[in-house]
């Protein structure tokens, strides 16, 4: 596999998210990709980034559907479709609770992974004395207060 083909593959993966499908489009067996990555381990990062780009785009689309609502015809009595003055069906967008839950769960796990990585980087750069000072400072903070919102 030539470098140009690999770049084209990564572009395809960023759009479809499927390496094997993209290799078929290039007319190459999937083993060629594995062999290329074995010979060029520094290029694995490009393929990983293409997969992340696809995942981010997909997540954004699902988030938009979840919070913006799934389109559906407004229905009246006995399930009859409601129409406007011109006779066109009225389309409402209703937020989808299952999609919202899935988006929030995915976002929370990604945030947790990012926070864990940031914590490891921050802690690894501190000396033992600095780390002890930060720990003592955190322990000295007052406990959180419970705030009742909307209750009297």
Protein backbone atom coordinates (compact mmCIF):
# COMPACT_ATOMS: atom_id res chain seq x y z
CA UNK A 1 0.00 0.00 0.00
CA UNK A 2 1.38 3.37 -1.00
CA UNK A 3 1.31 6.40 1.29
CA UNK A 4 -1.19 8.18 -0.99
CA UNK A 5 -3.58 5.24 -0.73
CA UNK A 6 -3.25 5.33 3.05
CA UNK A 7 -4.14 9.04 3.12
CA UNK A 8 -7.17 8.32 0.91
CA UNK A 9 -8.13 5.49 3.26
CA UNK A 10 -7.97 7.83 6.26
CA UNK A 11 -10.18 10.36 4.47
CA UNK A 12 -12.69 7.60 3.76
CA UNK A 13 -12.59 6.38 7.39
CA UNK A 14 -13.23 9.94 8.62
CA UNK A 15 -16.41 9.94 6.52
CA UNK A 16 -17.65 6.37 7.02
CA UNK A 17 -15.94 5.07 10.16
CA UNK A 18 -15.33 1.67 8.55
CA UNK A 19 -11.76 0.65 7.63
CA UNK A 20 -12.68 -2.60 5.89
CA UNK A 21 -15.30 -0.89 3.72
CA UNK A 22 -12.78 1.78 2.73
CA UNK A 23 -10.18 -0.84 1.86
CA UNK A 24 -12.73 -2.56 -0.41
CA UNK A 25 -13.38 0.81 -2.10
CA UNK A 26 -9.63 1.10 -2.72
CA UNK A 27 -9.64 -2.42 -4.16
CA UNK A 28 -7.16 -3.68 -1.58
CA UNK A 29 -7.42 -6.46 1.03
CA UNK A 30 -7.61 -5.47 4.69
CA UNK A 31 -4.30 -7.28 5.30
CA UNK A 32 -2.56 -4.56 3.28
CA UNK A 33 -3.62 -2.00 5.89
CA UNK A 34 -2.26 -4.11 8.74
CA UNK A 35 0.99 -4.68 6.87
CA UNK A 36 1.32 -0.94 6.11
CA UNK A 37 0.74 -0.02 9.77
CA UNK A 38 3.25 -2.64 10.89
CA UNK A 39 5.90 -1.13 8.59
CA UNK A 40 4.85 2.48 9.43
CA UNK A 41 3.78 2.53 13.11
CA UNK A 42 3.90 6.35 13.22
CA UNK A 43 0.99 6.46 10.75
CA UNK A 44 -1.36 4.62 13.13
CA UNK A 45 -2.07 7.97 14.77
CA UNK A 46 -3.50 9.34 11.48
CA UNK A 47 -5.94 6.42 11.22
CA UNK A 48 -6.93 6.80 14.87
CA UNK A 49 -7.56 10.51 14.32
CA UNK A 50 -9.76 9.70 11.31
CA UNK A 51 -11.82 7.35 13.49
CA UNK A 52 -12.13 10.05 16.18
CA UNK A 53 -13.30 12.56 13.57
CA UNK A 54 -15.99 10.16 12.40
CA UNK A 55 -17.06 9.44 15.98
CA UNK A 56 -17.26 13.14 16.86
CA UNK A 57 -19.36 13.87 13.77
CA UNK A 58 -21.66 10.95 14.52
CA UNK A 59 -22.03 12.00 18.16
CA UNK A 60 -22.85 15.57 17.09
CA UNK A 61 -25.57 14.28 14.74
CA UNK A 62 -27.09 12.09 17.45
CA UNK A 63 -26.92 14.98 19.94
CA UNK A 64 -28.75 17.24 17.48
CA UNK A 65 -31.48 14.62 17.00
CA UNK A 66 -31.72 13.96 20.73
CA UNK A 67 -32.09 17.54 21.89
CA UNK A 68 -33.57 19.07 18.72
CA UNK A 69 -36.14 16.33 18.51
CA UNK A 70 -37.10 13.58 16.14
CA UNK A 71 -39.39 14.81 13.36
CA UNK A 72 -42.84 13.29 13.35
CA UNK A 73 -46.29 14.13 12.07
CA UNK A 74 -48.66 15.75 14.54
CA UNK A 75 -51.58 13.44 15.12
CA UNK A 76 -55.06 14.30 16.28
CA UNK A 77 -58.04 12.20 17.23
CA UNK A 78 -57.77 8.51 16.43
CA UNK A 79 -54.23 8.97 15.08
CA UNK A 80 -55.28 11.13 12.12
CA UNK A 81 -52.50 13.39 10.78
CA UNK A 82 -53.15 17.08 11.50
CA UNK A 83 -52.71 19.45 8.54
CA UNK A 84 -52.22 23.20 8.28
CA UNK A 85 -54.37 25.67 6.29
CA UNK A 86 -52.65 24.64 3.03
CA UNK A 87 -53.36 20.96 3.62
CA UNK A 88 -49.74 20.13 4.42
CA UNK A 89 -49.07 17.81 7.39
CA UNK A 90 -47.71 19.56 10.48
CA UNK A 91 -44.34 18.19 11.58
CA UNK A 92 -43.34 18.48 15.24
CA UNK A 93 -39.92 17.79 16.66
CA UNK A 94 -40.07 15.90 19.94
CA UNK A 95 -36.89 15.39 22.03
CA UNK A 96 -36.00 11.72 22.43
CA UNK A 97 -35.25 10.74 26.03
CA UNK A 98 -33.40 7.53 25.07
CA UNK A 99 -31.07 9.39 22.70
CA UNK A 100 -30.48 12.11 25.29
CA UNK A 101 -29.52 9.46 27.86
CA UNK A 102 -27.15 7.78 25.38
CA UNK A 103 -25.50 11.09 24.44
CA UNK A 104 -25.07 12.09 28.09
CA UNK A 105 -23.64 8.67 28.99
CA UNK A 106 -21.14 8.83 26.13
CA UNK A 107 -20.21 12.41 27.01
CA UNK A 108 -19.72 11.53 30.67
CA UNK A 109 -17.44 8.59 29.91
CA UNK A 110 -15.38 10.66 27.46
CA UNK A 111 -15.12 13.46 30.02
CA UNK A 112 -14.06 10.98 32.71
CA UNK A 113 -11.33 9.60 30.43
CA UNK A 114 -10.13 13.12 29.58
CA UNK A 115 -10.11 14.14 33.26
CA UNK A 116 -8.18 11.01 34.20
CA UNK A 117 -5.58 11.74 31.51
CA UNK A 118 -5.29 15.36 32.66
CA UNK A 119 -4.91 14.25 36.27
CA UNK A 120 -2.15 11.78 35.40
CA UNK A 121 -0.30 14.46 33.43
CA UNK A 122 -0.69 17.04 36.21
CA UNK A 123 0.38 14.69 38.99
CA UNK A 124 3.32 13.25 37.08
CA UNK A 125 4.80 16.73 36.62
CA UNK A 126 4.69 17.56 40.37
CA UNK A 127 7.42 16.75 42.84
CA UNK A 128 6.59 14.68 45.92
CA UNK A 129 6.52 17.80 48.16
CA UNK A 130 4.28 19.71 45.74
CA UNK A 131 1.92 16.76 45.52
CA UNK A 132 1.72 16.55 49.32
CA UNK A 133 0.99 20.30 49.52
CA UNK A 134 -1.85 19.99 47.00
CA UNK A 135 -3.28 17.02 48.89
CA UNK A 136 -3.22 18.95 52.20
CA UNK A 137 -4.84 21.96 50.52
CA UNK A 138 -7.68 19.80 49.19
CA UNK A 139 -8.21 18.15 52.58
CA UNK A 140 -8.37 21.60 54.23
CA UNK A 141 -11.31 22.67 52.02
CA UNK A 142 -14.66 22.85 53.84
CA UNK A 143 -17.18 20.11 53.05
CA UNK A 144 -19.72 20.92 50.32
CA UNK A 145 -23.07 22.37 51.37
CA UNK A 146 -26.40 20.94 50.29
CA UNK A 147 -28.44 23.50 48.40
CA UNK A 148 -32.18 22.99 48.06
CA UNK A 149 -33.26 24.47 44.76
CA UNK A 150 -36.94 25.13 44.28
CA UNK A 151 -37.91 24.02 47.77
CA UNK A 152 -39.19 26.24 50.56
